[in-house]
Amino acid sequence: MTLTEKILGRASGKDRVQAGDNVWVNADVLMTHDVCGPGTIGVFQREFGRHAKVWDRNKVVIIPDHYIFTADSKSNRNVDILREFVKEQGLPYFYDVIDDPNGHWRFDSSKGMLKRQYGSNYAGVCHTALPQKGHTRPGEVLFGTDSHTCMAGAFNLFATGIGNTDAGFVMGTGKLLIKVPETMHFRLEGKLQTGVMAKDVILHCIGQIGSDGATYRALQFDGPGVASLSLDDRMTIANMAIEAGGKNGIFEFDAQTQAFVDYRCKLNGTRPAYDPVERDRDEKFVYEFTIDLSTLEPTVACHPDPGQRKLAKELGNVRLDRAYIGSCTGGKTSDFLEFARVLQGKRVAIDTFGVPATPEIVHDLQSARWGDKTIWQILVDAGVQMTENAGCAACLGGPVDTFGRMNTPMKCISATNRNFPGRMGHKESQVFLASPATVAASALTGHITDPREYLSSPRPYARQQGEELA
């Protein structure tokens, strides 16, 4: 069996499953957030009763992160709905925006967008927060009310996005009927060259098969090249499985995964036991593709979908109005480090916005130093508008006062994950997806630019997730 089949077989109590089987799967974690949480709660209460209890209070994780830092009253209200439900249910894993369990969330626009307006328990973007907070354990099944839940597959999980109705059912029963997906096999060999990042890997894959080329299929990534990829890198790749239509993305378990998961579970006091799945000799794949990482070049997904692949060096004639780095895909510490490496000592030529994914990443950037400056200061000095309010922000548009949102027709190069029309705001805007390095180089010139023009040496750091920054 493939990695996905082994997890679904175990979770359904069967010795063996194969693609096409319909099986009832036991959930290990259900995650929801402020956009889909109220709807999920509504379905749960309608179907199971106003005073029904969730199937397992220790397996429900609620992370407000999407429409948080906005004065929009309905968005603020959604966070309050989550808080009331958590109080009624006694749920331990709620990462609230405010510290007062009896309070009400209101964003104060008079304080501006850049300074922190969240409390001590706020966790930021759900997909990045889940592993940081110790909720991604190898071999488990994680359902989330967000299409990019597949990012957790970097940790050897079956992780997939589901709708509010399915989530309401899981909330009450802990089960979901799943059709076992076919598996596409991506074997990675070699090592990325300077200026090429994990984002380039997944954009290359999606460009190869198309934005619907993996519809309801698992994308399995393995091979000797995986060892050279950090967990941040693997998270980026798994995150965008959905951009090819995939049901989930998944990586092999290795020592990196073990070290990170063990540390994060211990740090956060979450359940430490897990049982990873390993590859079988008799795996059956519907598609196989070998990628030599050393041959890849900086890649861009052009408007209007992630499958429109071109090399950055071929797009120098595309003028830009804006650059954006952030989101679960491109807002991790390592993403900002590579971004800063390109920008250090220079000045951006276009409006450039930076949104760290989580408060922990904000702390990393404000405490780590290169010489006499923090990473944060290097970026601010380069002209980047950096906000301490970690979250999804403009990745999915949001209310008109969302930080970085495009409210007029623009061309933006972004380290985010999706570029359909209207995704980051105005429906006539165009979004070009690229790595943080390519976004940085393009911000310097005002047109799409290959970052290798600014980079000639290997990365000055080799930090994996979970390690301390110097």
Protein backbone atom coordinates (compact mmCIF):
# COMPACT_ATOMS: atom_id res chain seq x y z
CA MET A 1 0.00 0.00 0.00
CA THR A 2 0.99 3.63 -0.44
CA LEU A 3 1.55 5.91 2.55
CA THR A 4 -1.97 7.34 2.23
CA GLU A 5 -3.55 3.89 1.89
CA LYS A 6 -1.74 2.63 4.98
CA ILE A 7 -2.98 5.51 7.13
CA LEU A 8 -6.57 5.21 5.88
CA GLY A 9 -6.48 1.44 6.32
CA ARG A 10 -5.34 1.74 9.91
CA ALA A 11 -7.83 4.53 10.67
CA SER A 12 -10.69 2.42 9.29
CA GLY A 13 -9.68 -0.74 11.15
CA LYS A 14 -8.83 -2.64 7.96
CA ASP A 15 -5.69 -4.60 7.19
CA ARG A 16 -5.71 -3.47 3.61
CA VAL A 17 -7.42 -0.84 1.46
CA GLN A 18 -6.93 0.25 -2.11
CA ALA A 19 -7.78 3.20 -4.30
CA GLY A 20 -11.52 3.46 -4.84
CA ASP A 21 -12.55 1.84 -1.55
CA ASN A 22 -15.05 3.75 0.57
CA VAL A 23 -14.15 3.49 4.24
CA TRP A 24 -15.30 5.02 7.52
CA VAL A 25 -12.23 6.74 8.93
CA ASN A 26 -11.65 7.70 12.58
CA ALA A 27 -10.37 11.25 12.96
CA ASP A 28 -7.42 12.06 15.21
CA VAL A 29 -7.74 15.85 14.91
CA LEU A 30 -10.48 18.18 13.66
CA MET A 31 -9.36 21.75 13.05
CA THR A 32 -11.54 24.74 12.24
CA HIS A 33 -11.11 28.51 12.17
CA ASP A 34 -13.06 31.77 12.25
CA VAL A 35 -14.37 31.61 8.67
CA CYS A 36 -15.75 28.05 8.72
CA GLY A 37 -15.99 27.46 12.47
CA PRO A 38 -19.32 29.22 13.05
CA GLY A 39 -20.88 27.31 10.15
CA THR A 40 -19.47 24.00 11.38
CA ILE A 41 -20.81 24.71 14.87
CA GLY A 42 -24.20 25.53 13.36
CA VAL A 43 -24.32 22.21 11.49
CA PHE A 44 -23.20 20.31 14.59
CA GLN A 45 -25.88 21.87 16.81
CA ARG A 46 -28.60 21.47 14.19
CA GLU A 47 -27.89 17.77 13.64
CA PHE A 48 -26.86 16.64 17.13
CA GLY A 49 -28.73 19.10 19.35
CA ARG A 50 -28.13 22.55 20.80
CA HIS A 51 -26.56 21.09 23.95
CA ALA A 52 -24.73 18.14 22.36
CA LYS A 53 -21.07 17.57 23.22
CA VAL A 54 -18.28 17.06 20.70
CA TRP A 55 -17.08 13.48 20.30
CA ASP A 56 -13.70 14.16 21.94
CA ARG A 57 -12.83 17.56 23.42
CA ASN A 58 -9.09 16.81 23.18
CA LYS A 59 -9.24 16.26 19.42
CA VAL A 60 -10.89 19.53 18.38
CA VAL A 61 -8.50 22.41 17.61
CA ILE A 62 -9.89 25.88 16.93
CA ILE A 63 -7.57 28.55 15.50
CA PRO A 64 -8.96 31.95 14.48
CA ASP A 65 -6.65 33.33 11.77
CA HIS A 66 -8.41 34.47 8.59
CA TYR A 67 -10.43 37.69 8.98
CA ILE A 68 -8.96 38.87 12.27
CA PHE A 69 -7.25 42.22 11.92
CA THR A 70 -10.15 44.08 10.37
CA ALA A 71 -12.74 46.51 11.70
CA ASP A 72 -15.46 44.48 9.95
CA SER A 73 -17.97 43.76 12.73
CA LYS A 74 -19.17 40.43 11.34
CA SER A 75 -15.61 39.14 11.13
CA ASN A 76 -14.97 40.21 14.74
CA ARG A 77 -18.23 38.53 15.76
CA ASN A 78 -17.10 35.19 14.29
CA VAL A 79 -14.24 35.04 16.79
CA ASP A 80 -16.72 35.65 19.63
CA ILE A 81 -18.92 32.79 18.35
CA LEU A 82 -15.93 30.45 18.56
CA ARG A 83 -15.13 31.61 22.09
CA GLU A 84 -18.67 30.97 23.34
CA PHE A 85 -18.69 27.48 21.85
CA VAL A 86 -15.33 26.67 23.40
CA LYS A 87 -16.60 27.76 26.81
CA GLU A 88 -19.73 25.62 26.47
CA GLN A 89 -17.74 22.57 25.38
CA GLY A 90 -14.71 23.02 27.63
CA LEU A 91 -12.29 22.69 24.72
CA PRO A 92 -8.61 23.00 25.71
CA TYR A 93 -7.16 23.81 22.28
CA PHE A 94 -8.56 27.22 21.40
CA TYR A 95 -5.98 29.80 20.34
CA ASP A 96 -7.97 32.96 20.99
CA VAL A 97 -7.12 36.41 19.69
CA ILE A 98 -7.68 37.91 23.16
CA ASP A 99 -6.77 36.71 26.65
CA ASP A 100 -10.11 37.44 28.35
CA PRO A 101 -12.32 34.32 28.07
CA ASN A 102 -15.36 36.49 28.71
CA GLY A 103 -14.34 39.34 26.43
CA HIS A 104 -15.20 40.39 22.90
CA TRP A 105 -12.76 40.79 20.03
CA ARG A 106 -12.65 44.20 18.38
CA PHE A 107 -9.86 45.31 16.07
CA ASP A 108 -8.85 48.90 16.75
CA SER A 109 -8.06 50.45 13.36
CA SER A 110 -6.97 53.69 15.05
CA LYS A 111 -3.82 51.88 16.21
CA GLY A 112 -2.85 51.09 12.64
CA MET A 113 -2.05 47.78 10.98
CA LEU A 114 1.58 47.29 11.98
CA LYS A 115 1.62 46.95 15.78
CA ARG A 116 0.48 43.83 17.61
CA GLN A 117 -3.18 43.68 18.66
CA TYR A 118 -3.46 40.07 19.85
CA GLY A 119 -3.14 38.31 23.19
CA SER A 120 -0.70 35.74 24.53
CA ASN A 121 -2.59 32.66 23.30
CA TYR A 122 -3.09 33.72 19.69
CA ALA A 123 -1.40 31.29 17.30
CA GLY A 124 -1.64 32.81 13.82
CA VAL A 125 -2.24 30.92 10.56
CA CYS A 126 -3.81 27.57 11.39
CA HIS A 127 -1.69 25.41 9.07
CA THR A 128 1.57 26.79 10.44
CA ALA A 129 0.27 26.87 14.02
CA LEU A 130 -0.86 23.23 14.02
CA PRO A 131 2.70 21.82 13.90
CA GLN A 132 4.10 24.59 16.11
CA LYS A 133 1.52 23.78 18.79
CA GLY A 134 2.09 20.02 18.66
CA HIS A 135 -1.00 18.86 16.75
CA THR A 136 0.64 17.11 13.77
CA ARG A 137 1.59 13.53 14.62
CA PRO A 138 2.85 11.09 11.99
CA GLY A 139 0.46 8.35 10.92
CA GLU A 140 -2.65 10.22 12.04
CA VAL A 141 -5.73 11.55 10.25
CA LEU A 142 -6.27 15.32 10.41
CA PHE A 143 -9.36 16.97 8.97
CA GLY A 144 -9.61 20.74 8.68
CA THR A 145 -12.20 23.17 7.34
CA ASP A 146 -9.68 24.69 4.96
CA SER A 147 -8.37 23.43 1.64
CA HIS A 148 -4.73 23.92 2.63
CA THR A 149 -5.03 21.51 5.56
CA CYS A 150 -3.01 19.20 3.31
CA MET A 151 0.08 21.11 4.48
CA ALA A 152 0.26 18.83 7.53
CA GLY A 153 1.09 15.94 5.19
CA ALA A 154 4.68 17.16 5.48
CA PHE A 155 4.68 15.33 8.83
CA ASN A 156 3.58 11.94 7.45
CA LEU A 157 -0.13 12.47 8.14
CA PHE A 158 -3.24 12.05 6.03
CA ALA A 159 -4.43 15.65 6.19
CA THR A 160 -7.19 17.06 4.02
CA GLY A 161 -9.67 19.87 3.85
CA ILE A 162 -13.40 19.26 4.34
CA GLY A 163 -16.55 21.40 4.22
CA ASN A 164 -18.66 22.61 7.13
CA THR A 165 -21.23 19.82 6.79
CA ASP A 166 -18.62 17.08 6.94
CA ALA A 167 -16.85 18.89 9.78
CA GLY A 168 -20.10 19.16 11.74
CA PHE A 169 -20.54 15.40 11.35
CA VAL A 170 -16.96 14.71 12.46
CA MET A 171 -17.46 17.02 15.42
CA GLY A 172 -20.32 14.85 16.60
CA THR A 173 -19.09 11.37 15.68
CA GLY A 174 -15.33 11.46 15.15
CA LYS A 175 -15.79 9.65 11.83
CA LEU A 176 -16.03 10.45 8.14
CA LEU A 177 -16.68 8.35 5.04
CA ILE A 178 -13.66 8.67 2.75
CA LYS A 179 -13.00 7.31 -0.71
CA VAL A 180 -9.39 6.11 -0.78
CA PRO A 181 -7.61 8.25 -3.40
CA GLU A 182 -5.27 7.04 -6.10
CA THR A 183 -1.66 8.06 -5.44
CA MET A 184 0.66 10.02 -7.70
CA HIS A 185 4.36 9.46 -6.98
CA PHE A 186 6.89 12.29 -7.06
CA ARG A 187 10.42 11.02 -6.51
CA LEU A 188 12.85 13.77 -5.55
CA GLU A 189 16.56 13.47 -6.27
CA GLY A 190 19.51 15.83 -5.96
CA LYS A 191 19.61 19.15 -4.11
CA LEU A 192 18.28 22.64 -4.81
CA GLN A 193 20.75 25.16 -6.22
CA THR A 194 21.22 28.67 -4.81
CA GLY A 195 18.18 30.87 -5.39
CA VAL A 196 15.79 27.96 -5.85
CA MET A 197 13.32 27.12 -3.09
CA ALA A 198 10.63 24.58 -2.22
CA LYS A 199 8.01 26.83 -3.80
CA ASP A 200 9.77 26.31 -7.12
CA VAL A 201 9.53 22.55 -6.63
CA ILE A 202 5.77 22.49 -6.18
CA LEU A 203 5.16 25.07 -8.92
CA HIS A 204 7.21 22.85 -11.23
CA CYS A 205 5.08 19.84 -10.28
CA ILE A 206 1.78 21.67 -10.74
CA GLY A 207 2.97 23.08 -14.05
CA GLN A 208 3.78 19.55 -15.16
CA ILE A 209 0.35 18.06 -14.40
CA GLY A 210 -1.91 21.13 -14.48
CA SER A 211 -4.10 22.75 -11.84
CA ASP A 212 -6.55 19.83 -12.12
CA GLY A 213 -4.01 17.10 -12.82
CA ALA A 214 -4.23 15.54 -9.37
CA THR A 215 -7.98 15.82 -8.82
CA TYR A 216 -8.94 13.66 -5.82
CA ARG A 217 -5.52 12.03 -5.76
CA ALA A 218 -2.81 11.75 -3.12
CA LEU A 219 0.58 13.27 -3.97
CA GLN A 220 3.36 11.23 -2.38
CA PHE A 221 6.81 12.84 -2.16
CA ASP A 222 9.83 10.69 -1.37
CA GLY A 223 13.28 9.79 -2.62
CA PRO A 224 16.83 10.75 -1.63
CA GLY A 225 16.27 14.43 -2.40
CA VAL A 226 13.82 14.78 0.49
CA ALA A 227 16.67 14.59 3.00
CA SER A 228 17.99 17.94 1.75
CA LEU A 229 14.62 19.63 2.33
CA SER A 230 13.78 21.18 5.69
CA LEU A 231 10.39 20.64 7.25
CA ASP A 232 9.51 24.19 6.23
CA ASP A 233 10.30 23.16 2.65
CA ARG A 234 8.15 20.05 2.90
CA MET A 235 5.29 22.08 4.37
CA THR A 236 5.40 24.42 1.36
CA ILE A 237 5.26 21.50 -1.06
CA ALA A 238 2.50 19.58 0.75
CA ASN A 239 0.49 22.78 1.20
CA MET A 240 0.00 23.26 -2.53
CA ALA A 241 -1.11 19.71 -3.36
CA ILE A 242 -4.61 21.16 -3.41
CA GLU A 243 -3.57 23.60 -6.14
CA ALA A 244 -3.35 20.62 -8.49
CA GLY A 245 -6.71 19.35 -7.23
CA GLY A 246 -5.12 16.86 -4.85
CA LYS A 247 -6.91 15.23 -1.93
CA ASN A 248 -3.72 15.31 0.13
CA GLY A 249 0.04 15.55 -0.04
CA ILE A 250 2.29 13.34 2.07
CA PHE A 251 5.99 12.85 2.84
CA GLU A 252 7.92 9.95 4.29
CA PHE A 253 8.76 9.95 7.99
CA ASP A 254 12.43 10.53 8.86
CA ALA A 255 14.70 11.73 11.67
CA GLN A 256 13.90 15.38 10.94
CA THR A 257 10.20 14.69 11.32
CA GLN A 258 10.73 12.76 14.53
CA ALA A 259 12.90 15.44 16.13
CA PHE A 260 10.45 18.20 15.32
CA VAL A 261 7.29 16.37 16.37
CA ASP A 262 8.81 15.05 19.61
CA TYR A 263 10.02 18.53 20.54
CA ARG A 264 6.75 20.28 19.73
CA CYS A 265 4.58 17.75 21.55
CA LYS A 266 6.80 18.03 24.62
CA LEU A 267 6.90 21.82 24.45
CA ASN A 268 3.12 22.14 24.24
CA GLY A 269 2.12 19.20 26.42
CA THR A 270 0.16 17.54 23.63
CA ARG A 271 -0.17 13.80 23.19
CA PRO A 272 3.35 12.48 22.45
CA ALA A 273 2.57 9.00 21.11
CA TYR A 274 2.33 8.37 17.38
CA ASP A 275 2.92 5.62 14.85
CA PRO A 276 4.37 6.71 11.48
CA VAL A 277 3.80 4.81 8.25
CA GLU A 278 6.62 3.64 6.02
CA ARG A 279 6.75 2.71 2.36
CA ASP A 280 5.85 -0.76 1.08
CA ARG A 281 7.54 -2.53 -1.78
CA ASP A 282 4.20 -3.21 -3.48
CA GLU A 283 3.00 0.38 -3.79
CA LYS A 284 0.75 1.02 -6.78
CA PHE A 285 0.85 4.48 -8.31
CA VAL A 286 -1.38 5.97 -10.97
CA TYR A 287 1.42 8.34 -12.05
CA GLU A 288 5.19 8.55 -11.50
CA PHE A 289 7.45 11.56 -11.96
CA THR A 290 11.13 11.91 -11.02
CA ILE A 291 12.49 15.38 -10.31
CA ASP A 292 16.19 16.23 -10.15
CA LEU A 293 16.12 19.15 -7.72
CA SER A 294 19.49 20.40 -8.95
CA THR A 295 18.03 21.15 -12.39
CA LEU A 296 15.15 23.33 -11.20
CA GLU A 297 15.15 27.09 -11.71
CA PRO A 298 13.15 29.93 -10.10
CA THR A 299 9.58 29.40 -11.28
CA VAL A 300 6.45 31.55 -11.43
CA ALA A 301 2.78 30.59 -11.72
CA CYS A 302 1.14 33.22 -13.88
CA HIS A 303 -2.40 34.56 -13.68
CA PRO A 304 -5.03 33.07 -13.53
CA ASP A 305 -4.18 29.68 -11.96
CA PRO A 306 -1.25 27.87 -10.29
CA GLY A 307 -0.73 25.62 -13.32
CA GLN A 308 0.45 28.46 -15.58
CA ARG A 309 4.15 27.71 -15.11
CA LYS A 310 6.95 29.80 -16.53
CA LEU A 311 10.54 30.48 -15.50
CA ALA A 312 11.19 33.76 -13.75
CA LYS A 313 13.96 34.61 -16.21
CA GLU A 314 11.41 34.52 -19.05
CA LEU A 315 9.09 37.08 -17.46
CA GLY A 316 11.26 40.17 -17.14
CA ASN A 317 8.79 42.17 -19.23
CA VAL A 318 6.02 41.78 -16.63
CA ARG A 319 5.82 45.04 -14.68
CA LEU A 320 4.53 44.83 -11.10
CA ASP A 321 2.64 47.13 -8.76
CA ARG A 322 3.05 45.17 -5.55
CA ALA A 323 5.01 42.40 -3.82
CA TYR A 324 3.70 40.28 -0.94
CA ILE A 325 5.26 37.70 1.36
CA GLY A 326 3.21 35.79 3.91
CA SER A 327 0.62 33.03 4.44
CA CYS A 328 0.99 29.40 5.49
CA THR A 329 2.94 28.78 2.28
CA GLY A 330 5.32 31.70 2.29
CA GLY A 331 5.26 33.26 5.75
CA LYS A 332 7.49 30.89 7.71
CA THR A 333 10.77 31.92 9.35
CA SER A 334 12.90 30.33 6.64
CA ASP A 335 10.85 32.12 3.96
CA PHE A 336 11.58 35.48 5.54
CA LEU A 337 15.26 34.63 5.95
CA GLU A 338 15.64 33.97 2.24
CA PHE A 339 13.57 37.07 1.51
CA ALA A 340 15.91 39.13 3.71
CA ARG A 341 19.02 37.62 2.15
CA VAL A 342 18.01 39.09 -1.20
CA LEU A 343 16.90 42.46 0.21
CA GLN A 344 19.69 43.09 2.71
CA GLY A 345 21.29 46.48 2.09
CA LYS A 346 18.93 47.32 -0.78
CA ARG A 347 15.61 49.13 -1.22
CA VAL A 348 12.39 47.87 -2.80
CA ALA A 349 11.03 49.70 -5.84
CA ILE A 350 7.33 48.86 -5.33
CA ASP A 351 4.93 48.57 -2.40
CA THR A 352 5.96 45.44 -0.52
CA PHE A 353 4.03 43.83 2.33
CA GLY A 354 5.29 41.26 4.85
CA VAL A 355 2.96 39.19 7.04
CA PRO A 356 4.55 36.51 9.26
CA ALA A 357 2.36 33.42 9.63
CA THR A 358 2.54 33.15 13.43
CA PRO A 359 3.58 35.19 16.48
CA GLU A 360 6.48 32.79 16.97
CA ILE A 361 7.80 33.80 13.56
CA VAL A 362 7.41 37.48 14.45
CA HIS A 363 9.56 36.78 17.52
CA ASP A 364 12.15 34.95 15.42
CA LEU A 365 12.50 37.87 13.03
CA GLN A 366 12.60 40.50 15.77
CA SER A 367 15.19 38.68 17.88
CA ALA A 368 17.58 37.06 15.39
CA ARG A 369 20.39 39.30 14.18
CA TRP A 370 22.59 39.46 11.14
CA GLY A 371 25.41 41.70 12.32
CA ASP A 372 24.03 44.71 14.18
CA LYS A 373 20.46 44.46 12.83
CA THR A 374 17.56 42.11 13.43
CA ILE A 375 16.03 40.40 10.41
CA TRP A 376 12.93 42.52 11.01
CA GLN A 377 14.97 45.74 10.87
CA ILE A 378 16.74 44.65 7.71
CA LEU A 379 13.36 44.21 6.02
CA VAL A 380 11.95 47.49 7.34
CA ASP A 381 15.10 49.33 6.23
CA ALA A 382 14.60 47.81 2.77
CA GLY A 383 11.17 49.44 2.63
CA VAL A 384 9.03 46.40 3.44
CA GLN A 385 5.82 47.17 5.34
CA MET A 386 6.03 44.55 8.09
CA THR A 387 3.09 43.86 10.39
CA GLU A 388 3.29 42.15 13.78
CA ASN A 389 -0.31 40.99 13.33
CA ALA A 390 0.42 37.49 12.11
CA GLY A 391 -2.38 35.89 10.14
CA CYS A 392 -3.78 35.10 6.71
CA ALA A 393 -4.23 38.79 5.80
CA ALA A 394 -4.48 39.42 2.04
CA CYS A 395 -3.75 35.86 0.90
CA LEU A 396 -7.50 35.38 0.44
CA GLY A 397 -8.57 38.99 0.02
CA GLY A 398 -10.78 39.59 3.04
CA PRO A 399 -12.59 42.80 4.03
CA VAL A 400 -11.46 45.98 2.27
CA ASP A 401 -9.33 47.13 5.23
CA THR A 402 -7.26 43.92 5.24
CA PHE A 403 -3.49 44.56 5.33
CA GLY A 404 -2.00 44.22 1.85
CA ARG A 405 -5.34 43.63 0.08
CA MET A 406 -5.52 44.82 -3.52
CA ASN A 407 -8.52 47.12 -3.72
CA THR A 408 -7.82 48.28 -7.27
CA PRO A 409 -6.63 46.39 -10.37
CA MET A 410 -2.95 45.59 -9.83
CA LYS A 411 -0.25 43.12 -10.71
CA CYS A 412 1.23 41.49 -7.62
CA ILE A 413 3.96 38.92 -7.16
CA SER A 414 3.23 36.88 -4.08
CA ALA A 415 4.70 34.07 -1.98
CA THR A 416 1.16 32.81 -1.25
CA ASN A 417 -0.52 29.73 -2.70
CA ARG A 418 -3.45 30.65 -4.94
CA ASN A 419 -3.96 33.14 -7.77
CA PHE A 420 -7.44 32.72 -9.17
CA PRO A 421 -9.16 36.01 -10.17
CA GLY A 422 -10.14 38.00 -7.07
CA ARG A 423 -8.14 35.81 -4.71
CA MET A 424 -6.19 38.69 -3.13
CA GLY A 425 -8.84 41.37 -3.55
CA HIS A 426 -9.95 43.14 -6.70
CA LYS A 427 -11.34 40.73 -9.29
CA GLU A 428 -9.34 42.38 -12.09
CA SER A 429 -6.02 42.08 -10.25
CA GLN A 430 -3.41 39.60 -11.40
CA VAL A 431 -1.38 37.51 -8.96
CA PHE A 432 1.89 35.83 -9.90
CA LEU A 433 2.94 33.08 -7.47
CA ALA A 434 6.65 32.70 -6.72
CA SER A 435 9.15 31.82 -4.03
CA PRO A 436 10.12 34.35 -1.34
CA ALA A 437 13.47 34.79 -3.09
CA THR A 438 11.82 35.58 -6.43
CA VAL A 439 9.33 37.90 -4.73
CA ALA A 440 12.22 39.77 -3.09
CA ALA A 441 14.22 40.16 -6.30
CA SER A 442 11.11 41.33 -8.14
CA ALA A 443 10.33 43.86 -5.40
CA LEU A 444 13.77 45.38 -5.98
CA THR A 445 13.32 45.84 -9.72
CA GLY A 446 9.57 46.37 -10.10
CA HIS A 447 9.30 43.54 -12.61
CA ILE A 448 9.49 39.76 -12.34
CA THR A 449 13.15 38.95 -11.70
CA ASP A 450 15.22 35.79 -11.29
CA PRO A 451 16.68 35.98 -7.73
CA ARG A 452 19.94 34.41 -8.88
CA GLU A 453 20.83 37.85 -10.19
CA TYR A 454 21.25 38.84 -6.52
CA LEU A 455 22.51 35.56 -5.05
CA SER A 456 25.79 33.85 -5.71
CA SER A 457 26.58 32.01 -2.49
CA PRO A 458 24.87 29.24 -0.52
CA ARG A 459 22.44 30.13 2.25
CA PRO A 460 24.19 31.53 5.35
CA TYR A 461 21.98 29.44 7.59
CA ALA A 462 20.74 25.87 7.77
CA ARG A 463 17.94 26.14 10.29
CA GLN A 464 15.30 23.43 10.46
CA GLN A 465 11.98 24.00 12.15
CA GLY A 466 12.32 23.53 15.90
CA GLU A 467 15.94 24.73 16.10
CA GLU A 468 16.92 27.99 17.71
CA LEU A 469 18.09 30.91 15.61
CA ALA A 470 21.54 32.24 16.39
